């Protein structure tokens, strides 16, 4: 877990270093036209779907572990 966290932080630092400030970015144009809310809604919907999927897998896994005859 620590290795994944360190890798993620290094990636974020690298992205920040190479980010360039431009006059008009795509986020500015999306915000100006009101489409940014659609993008945010899609991202939230995808993340909620992933969370639901992970929790359902966890629930099924706990059920299988409970019914398993081999208990360590």
PDB file of N, CA and C in Angstrom:
ATOM      1  N   UNK A   1       0.832  -1.191   0.000  1.00  0.00           N
ATOM      2  CA  UNK A   1       0.000   0.000   0.000  1.00  0.00           C
ATOM      3  C   UNK A   1       0.874   1.251   0.000  1.00  0.00           C
ATOM      4  N   UNK A   2       1.932   1.189   0.787  1.00  0.00           N
ATOM      5  CA  UNK A   2       2.824   2.336   0.871  1.00  0.00           C
ATOM      6  C   UNK A   2       3.505   2.587  -0.477  1.00  0.00           C
ATOM      7  N   UNK A   3       3.846   1.503  -1.163  1.00  0.00           N
ATOM      8  CA  UNK A   3       4.495   1.615  -2.460  1.00  0.00           C
ATOM      9  C   UNK A   3       3.560   2.259  -3.488  1.00  0.00           C
ATOM     10  N   UNK A   4       2.288   1.878  -3.459  1.00  0.00           N
ATOM     11  CA  UNK A   4       1.302   2.442  -4.375  1.00  0.00           C
ATOM     12  C   UNK A   4       1.103   3.922  -4.081  1.00  0.00           C
ATOM     13  N   UNK A   5       1.034   4.286  -2.818  1.00  0.00           N
ATOM     14  CA  UNK A   5       0.850   5.679  -2.432  1.00  0.00           C
ATOM     15  C   UNK A   5       2.025   6.540  -2.878  1.00  0.00           C
ATOM     16  N   UNK A   6       3.238   6.041  -2.686  1.00  0.00           N
ATOM     17  CA  UNK A   6       4.427   6.779  -3.094  1.00  0.00           C
ATOM     18  C   UNK A   6       4.454   6.938  -4.616  1.00  0.00           C
ATOM     19  N   UNK A   7       4.103   5.879  -5.338  1.00  0.00           N
ATOM     20  CA  UNK A   7       4.065   5.947  -6.797  1.00  0.00           C
ATOM     21  C   UNK A   7       3.039   6.967  -7.265  1.00  0.00           C
ATOM     22  N   UNK A   8       1.867   6.974  -6.643  1.00  0.00           N
ATOM     23  CA  UNK A   8       0.830   7.939  -7.004  1.00  0.00           C
ATOM     24  C   UNK A   8       1.285   9.370  -6.738  1.00  0.00           C
ATOM     25  N   UNK A   9       1.910   9.604  -5.605  1.00  0.00           N
ATOM     26  CA  UNK A   9       2.392  10.949  -5.285  1.00  0.00           C
ATOM     27  C   UNK A   9       3.475  11.403  -6.260  1.00  0.00           C
ATOM     28  N   UNK A  10       4.370  10.497  -6.633  1.00  0.00           N
ATOM     29  CA  UNK A  10       5.414  10.835  -7.609  1.00  0.00           C
ATOM     30  C   UNK A  10       4.798  11.181  -8.965  1.00  0.00           C
ATOM     31  N   UNK A  11       3.763  10.430  -9.348  1.00  0.00           N
ATOM     32  CA  UNK A  11       3.076  10.713 -10.605  1.00  0.00           C
ATOM     33  C   UNK A  11       2.416  12.081 -10.570  1.00  0.00           C
ATOM     34  N   UNK A  12       1.779  12.410  -9.464  1.00  0.00           N
ATOM     35  CA  UNK A  12       1.123  13.711  -9.349  1.00  0.00           C
ATOM     36  C   UNK A  12       2.147  14.852  -9.388  1.00  0.00           C
ATOM     37  N   UNK A  13       3.294  14.658  -8.777  1.00  0.00           N
ATOM     38  CA  UNK A  13       4.340  15.679  -8.806  1.00  0.00           C
ATOM     39  C   UNK A  13       4.845  15.855 -10.228  1.00  0.00           C
ATOM     40  N   UNK A  14       5.037  14.747 -10.957  1.00  0.00           N
ATOM     41  CA  UNK A  14       5.507  14.825 -12.335  1.00  0.00           C
ATOM     42  C   UNK A  14       4.498  15.539 -13.220  1.00  0.00           C
ATOM     43  N   UNK A  15       3.225  15.259 -13.015  1.00  0.00           N
ATOM     44  CA  UNK A  15       2.186  15.924 -13.808  1.00  0.00           C
ATOM     45  C   UNK A  15       2.184  17.418 -13.526  1.00  0.00           C
ATOM     46  N   UNK A  16       2.362  17.779 -12.286  1.00  0.00           N
ATOM     47  CA  UNK A  16       2.364  19.193 -11.924  1.00  0.00           C
ATOM     48  C   UNK A  16       3.571  19.915 -12.518  1.00  0.00           C
ATOM     49  N   UNK A  17       4.701  19.260 -12.574  1.00  0.00           N
ATOM     50  CA  UNK A  17       5.899  19.891 -13.110  1.00  0.00           C
ATOM     51  C   UNK A  17       5.781  20.178 -14.598  1.00  0.00           C
ATOM     52  N   UNK A  18       5.120  19.281 -15.329  1.00  0.00           N
ATOM     53  CA  UNK A  18       5.030  19.441 -16.770  1.00  0.00           C
ATOM     54  C   UNK A  18       3.772  20.163 -17.231  1.00  0.00           C
ATOM     55  N   UNK A  19       2.931  20.559 -16.304  1.00  0.00           N
ATOM     56  CA  UNK A  19       1.726  21.291 -16.670  1.00  0.00           C
ATOM     57  C   UNK A  19       2.110  22.698 -17.124  1.00  0.00           C
ATOM     58  N   UNK A  20       1.500  23.130 -18.208  1.00  0.00           N
ATOM     59  CA  UNK A  20       1.797  24.451 -18.744  1.00  0.00           C
ATOM     60  C   UNK A  20       0.560  25.326 -18.634  1.00  0.00           C
ATOM     61  N   UNK A  21       0.789  26.555 -18.300  1.00  0.00           N
ATOM     62  CA  UNK A  21      -0.310  27.505 -18.197  1.00  0.00           C
ATOM     63  C   UNK A  21      -0.611  28.065 -19.579  1.00  0.00           C
ATOM     64  N   UNK A  22      -1.818  27.816 -20.058  1.00  0.00           N
ATOM     65  CA  UNK A  22      -2.233  28.332 -21.354  1.00  0.00           C
ATOM     66  C   UNK A  22      -3.312  29.371 -21.126  1.00  0.00           C
ATOM     67  N   UNK A  23      -3.484  30.235 -22.103  1.00  0.00           N
ATOM     68  CA  UNK A  23      -4.464  31.304 -21.966  1.00  0.00           C
ATOM     69  C   UNK A  23      -5.867  30.779 -21.769  1.00  0.00           C
ATOM     70  N   UNK A  24      -6.321  29.917 -22.647  1.00  0.00           N
ATOM     71  CA  UNK A  24      -7.676  29.366 -22.565  1.00  0.00           C
ATOM     72  C   UNK A  24      -7.576  27.843 -22.590  1.00  0.00           C
ATOM     73  N   UNK A  25      -7.932  27.231 -21.499  1.00  0.00           N
ATOM     74  CA  UNK A  25      -7.858  25.779 -21.422  1.00  0.00           C
ATOM     75  C   UNK A  25      -9.223  25.178 -21.705  1.00  0.00           C
ATOM     76  N   UNK A  26      -9.251  23.872 -21.857  1.00  0.00           N
ATOM     77  CA  UNK A  26     -10.507  23.193 -22.140  1.00  0.00           C
ATOM     78  C   UNK A  26     -11.464  23.294 -20.955  1.00  0.00           C
ATOM     79  N   UNK A  27     -10.913  23.308 -19.739  1.00  0.00           N
ATOM     80  CA  UNK A  27     -11.797  23.430 -18.571  1.00  0.00           C
ATOM     81  C   UNK A  27     -12.476  24.804 -18.536  1.00  0.00           C
ATOM     82  N   UNK A  28     -11.762  25.840 -18.961  1.00  0.00           N
ATOM     83  CA  UNK A  28     -12.375  27.176 -19.018  1.00  0.00           C
ATOM     84  C   UNK A  28     -13.512  27.218 -20.026  1.00  0.00           C
ATOM     85  N   UNK A  29     -13.297  26.599 -21.188  1.00  0.00           N
ATOM     86  CA  UNK A  29     -14.349  26.608 -22.206  1.00  0.00           C
ATOM     87  C   UNK A  29     -15.538  25.759 -21.779  1.00  0.00           C
ATOM     88  N   UNK A  30     -15.283  24.616 -21.100  1.00  0.00           N
ATOM     89  CA  UNK A  30     -16.382  23.792 -20.613  1.00  0.00           C
ATOM     90  C   UNK A  30     -17.163  24.518 -19.523  1.00  0.00           C
ATOM     91  N   UNK A  31     -16.447  25.220 -18.664  1.00  0.00           N
ATOM     92  CA  UNK A  31     -17.126  25.961 -17.596  1.00  0.00           C
ATOM     93  C   UNK A  31     -17.950  27.114 -18.168  1.00  0.00           C
ATOM     94  N   UNK A  32     -17.411  27.782 -19.167  1.00  0.00           N
ATOM     95  CA  UNK A  32     -18.121  28.916 -19.768  1.00  0.00           C
ATOM     96  C   UNK A  32     -19.401  28.467 -20.464  1.00  0.00           C
ATOM     97  N   UNK A  33     -19.376  27.306 -21.093  1.00  0.00           N
ATOM     98  CA  UNK A  33     -20.565  26.838 -21.809  1.00  0.00           C
ATOM     99  C   UNK A  33     -21.519  26.042 -20.910  1.00  0.00           C
ATOM    100  N   UNK A  34     -21.127  25.771 -19.676  1.00  0.00           N
ATOM    101  CA  UNK A  34     -21.988  25.044 -18.754  1.00  0.00           C
ATOM    102  C   UNK A  34     -21.887  23.534 -18.884  1.00  0.00           C
ATOM    103  N   UNK A  35     -21.010  23.065 -19.752  1.00  0.00           N
ATOM    104  CA  UNK A  35     -20.871  21.620 -19.955  1.00  0.00           C
ATOM    105  C   UNK A  35     -20.026  20.953 -18.880  1.00  0.00           C
ATOM    106  N   UNK A  36     -19.372  21.734 -18.046  1.00  0.00           N
ATOM    107  CA  UNK A  36     -18.541  21.161 -16.993  1.00  0.00           C
ATOM    108  C   UNK A  36     -19.380  20.340 -16.022  1.00  0.00           C
ATOM    109  N   UNK A  37     -20.637  20.720 -15.844  1.00  0.00           N
ATOM    110  CA  UNK A  37     -21.515  19.989 -14.942  1.00  0.00           C
ATOM    111  C   UNK A  37     -21.833  18.599 -15.492  1.00  0.00           C
ATOM    112  N   UNK A  38     -21.917  18.483 -16.798  1.00  0.00           N
ATOM    113  CA  UNK A  38     -22.138  17.182 -17.429  1.00  0.00           C
ATOM    114  C   UNK A  38     -20.909  16.298 -17.213  1.00  0.00           C
ATOM    115  N   UNK A  39     -19.730  16.870 -17.368  1.00  0.00           N
ATOM    116  CA  UNK A  39     -18.490  16.121 -17.170  1.00  0.00           C
ATOM    117  C   UNK A  39     -18.377  15.654 -15.722  1.00  0.00           C
ATOM    118  N   UNK A  40     -18.648  16.542 -14.793  1.00  0.00           N
ATOM    119  CA  UNK A  40     -18.583  16.188 -13.373  1.00  0.00           C
ATOM    120  C   UNK A  40     -19.619  15.121 -13.037  1.00  0.00           C
ATOM    121  N   UNK A  41     -20.817  15.241 -13.589  1.00  0.00           N
ATOM    122  CA  UNK A  41     -21.859  14.245 -13.331  1.00  0.00           C
ATOM    123  C   UNK A  41     -21.449  12.876 -13.872  1.00  0.00           C
ATOM    124  N   UNK A  42     -20.836  12.843 -15.037  1.00  0.00           N
ATOM    125  CA  UNK A  42     -20.377  11.565 -15.607  1.00  0.00           C
ATOM    126  C   UNK A  42     -19.280  10.945 -14.749  1.00  0.00           C
ATOM    127  N   UNK A  43     -18.352  11.753 -14.298  1.00  0.00           N
ATOM    128  CA  UNK A  43     -17.268  11.241 -13.448  1.00  0.00           C
ATOM    129  C   UNK A  43     -17.826  10.702 -12.139  1.00  0.00           C
ATOM    130  N   UNK A  44     -18.741  11.420 -11.533  1.00  0.00           N
ATOM    131  CA  UNK A  44     -19.351  10.967 -10.279  1.00  0.00           C
ATOM    132  C   UNK A  44     -20.124   9.672 -10.505  1.00  0.00           C
ATOM    133  N   UNK A  45     -20.845   9.588 -11.607  1.00  0.00           N
ATOM    134  CA  UNK A  45     -21.613   8.381 -11.915  1.00  0.00           C
ATOM    135  C   UNK A  45     -20.687   7.173 -12.103  1.00  0.00           C
ATOM    136  N   UNK A  46     -19.587   7.367 -12.797  1.00  0.00           N
ATOM    137  CA  UNK A  46     -18.622   6.278 -12.993  1.00  0.00           C
ATOM    138  C   UNK A  46     -18.019   5.845 -11.666  1.00  0.00           C
ATOM    139  N   UNK A  47     -17.631   6.800 -10.820  1.00  0.00           N
ATOM    140  CA  UNK A  47     -17.056   6.455  -9.523  1.00  0.00           C
ATOM    141  C   UNK A  47     -18.062   5.748  -8.620  1.00  0.00           C
ATOM    142  N   UNK A  48     -19.306   6.177  -8.642  1.00  0.00           N
ATOM    143  CA  UNK A  48     -20.329   5.501  -7.843  1.00  0.00           C
ATOM    144  C   UNK A  48     -20.557   4.075  -8.341  1.00  0.00           C
ATOM    145  N   UNK A  49     -20.535   3.889  -9.654  1.00  0.00           N
ATOM    146  CA  UNK A  49     -20.670   2.550 -10.214  1.00  0.00           C
ATOM    147  C   UNK A  49     -19.522   1.649  -9.784  1.00  0.00           C
ATOM    148  N   UNK A  50     -18.306   2.184  -9.812  1.00  0.00           N
ATOM    149  CA  UNK A  50     -17.151   1.400  -9.372  1.00  0.00           C
ATOM    150  C   UNK A  50     -17.237   1.045  -7.894  1.00  0.00           C
ATOM    151  N   UNK A  51     -17.644   1.998  -7.076  1.00  0.00           N
ATOM    152  CA  UNK A  51     -17.792   1.728  -5.645  1.00  0.00           C
ATOM    153  C   UNK A  51     -18.861   0.667  -5.385  1.00  0.00           C
ATOM    154  N   UNK A  52     -19.973   0.772  -6.089  1.00  0.00           N
ATOM    155  CA  UNK A  52     -21.031  -0.232  -5.944  1.00  0.00           C
ATOM    156  C   UNK A  52     -20.519  -1.609  -6.341  1.00  0.00           C
ATOM    157  N   UNK A  53     -19.780  -1.666  -7.441  1.00  0.00           N
ATOM    158  CA  UNK A  53     -19.228  -2.933  -7.914  1.00  0.00           C
ATOM    159  C   UNK A  53     -18.263  -3.526  -6.889  1.00  0.00           C
ATOM    160  N   UNK A  54     -17.381  -2.696  -6.338  1.00  0.00           N
ATOM    161  CA  UNK A  54     -16.417  -3.184  -5.355  1.00  0.00           C
ATOM    162  C   UNK A  54     -17.095  -3.664  -4.081  1.00  0.00           C
ATOM    163  N   UNK A  55     -18.095  -2.932  -3.617  1.00  0.00           N
ATOM    164  CA  UNK A  55     -18.792  -3.357  -2.402  1.00  0.00           C
ATOM    165  C   UNK A  55     -19.595  -4.633  -2.636  1.00  0.00           C
ATOM    166  N   UNK A  56     -20.154  -4.797  -3.829  1.00  0.00           N
ATOM    167  CA  UNK A  56     -20.892  -6.029  -4.104  1.00  0.00           C
ATOM    168  C   UNK A  56     -19.941  -7.221  -4.172  1.00  0.00           C
ATOM    169  N   UNK A  57     -18.754  -7.026  -4.741  1.00  0.00           N
ATOM    170  CA  UNK A  57     -17.761  -8.101  -4.757  1.00  0.00           C
ATOM    171  C   UNK A  57     -17.325  -8.438  -3.331  1.00  0.00           C
ATOM    172  N   UNK A  58     -17.109  -7.429  -2.509  1.00  0.00           N
ATOM    173  CA  UNK A  58     -16.720  -7.649  -1.114  1.00  0.00           C
ATOM    174  C   UNK A  58     -17.802  -8.429  -0.367  1.00  0.00           C
ATOM    175  N   UNK A  59     -19.050  -8.096  -0.613  1.00  0.00           N
ATOM    176  CA  UNK A  59     -20.158  -8.781   0.040  1.00  0.00           C
ATOM    177  C   UNK A  59     -20.200 -10.252  -0.371  1.00  0.00           C
ATOM    178  N   UNK A  60     -20.030 -10.517  -1.676  1.00  0.00           N
ATOM    179  CA  UNK A  60     -20.020 -11.896  -2.156  1.00  0.00           C
ATOM    180  C   UNK A  60     -18.825 -12.671  -1.608  1.00  0.00           C
ATOM    181  N   UNK A  61     -17.683 -12.016  -1.523  1.00  0.00           N
ATOM    182  CA  UNK A  61     -16.482 -12.669  -1.009  1.00  0.00           C
ATOM    183  C   UNK A  61     -16.644 -13.039   0.458  1.00  0.00           C
ATOM    184  N   UNK A  62     -17.218 -12.149   1.246  1.00  0.00           N
ATOM    185  CA  UNK A  62     -17.466 -12.453   2.661  1.00  0.00           C
ATOM    186  C   UNK A  62     -18.424 -13.632   2.802  1.00  0.00           C
ATOM    187  N   UNK A  63     -19.431 -13.685   1.930  1.00  0.00           N
ATOM    188  CA  UNK A  63     -20.388 -14.784   1.966  1.00  0.00           C
ATOM    189  C   UNK A  63     -19.696 -16.103   1.634  1.00  0.00           C
ATOM    190  N   UNK A  64     -18.821 -16.095   0.620  1.00  0.00           N
ATOM    191  CA  UNK A  64     -18.083 -17.305   0.259  1.00  0.00           C
ATOM    192  C   UNK A  64     -17.128 -17.734   1.369  1.00  0.00           C
ATOM    193  N   UNK A  65     -16.469 -16.767   2.000  1.00  0.00           N
ATOM    194  CA  UNK A  65     -15.560 -17.092   3.096  1.00  0.00           C
ATOM    195  C   UNK A  65     -16.311 -17.673   4.287  1.00  0.00           C
ATOM    196  N   UNK A  66     -17.495 -17.161   4.524  1.00  0.00           N
ATOM    197  CA  UNK A  66     -18.300 -17.653   5.643  1.00  0.00           C
ATOM    198  C   UNK A  66     -18.746 -19.079   5.394  1.00  0.00           C
ATOM    199  N   UNK A  67     -19.112 -19.413   4.164  1.00  0.00           N
ATOM    200  CA  UNK A  67     -19.613 -20.738   3.836  1.00  0.00           C
ATOM    201  C   UNK A  67     -18.499 -21.722   3.502  1.00  0.00           C
ATOM    202  N   UNK A  68     -17.267 -21.277   3.483  1.00  0.00           N
ATOM    203  CA  UNK A  68     -16.158 -22.144   3.135  1.00  0.00           C
ATOM    204  C   UNK A  68     -15.877 -23.139   4.256  1.00  0.00           C
ATOM    205  N   UNK A  69     -15.683 -24.420   3.906  1.00  0.00           N
ATOM    206  CA  UNK A  69     -15.376 -25.417   4.938  1.00  0.00           C
ATOM    207  C   UNK A  69     -13.938 -25.293   5.456  1.00  0.00           C
ATOM    208  N   UNK A  70     -13.055 -24.732   4.645  1.00  0.00           N
ATOM    209  CA  UNK A  70     -11.643 -24.592   5.041  1.00  0.00           C
ATOM    210  C   UNK A  70     -11.455 -23.241   5.719  1.00  0.00           C
ATOM    211  N   UNK A  71     -11.470 -23.243   7.042  1.00  0.00           N
ATOM    212  CA  UNK A  71     -11.280 -21.999   7.784  1.00  0.00           C
ATOM    213  C   UNK A  71      -9.903 -22.018   8.406  1.00  0.00           C
ATOM    214  N   UNK A  72      -9.104 -21.002   8.060  1.00  0.00           N
ATOM    215  CA  UNK A  72      -7.728 -20.930   8.570  1.00  0.00           C
ATOM    216  C   UNK A  72      -7.675 -20.125   9.839  1.00  0.00           C
TER     217      UNK A  72
END
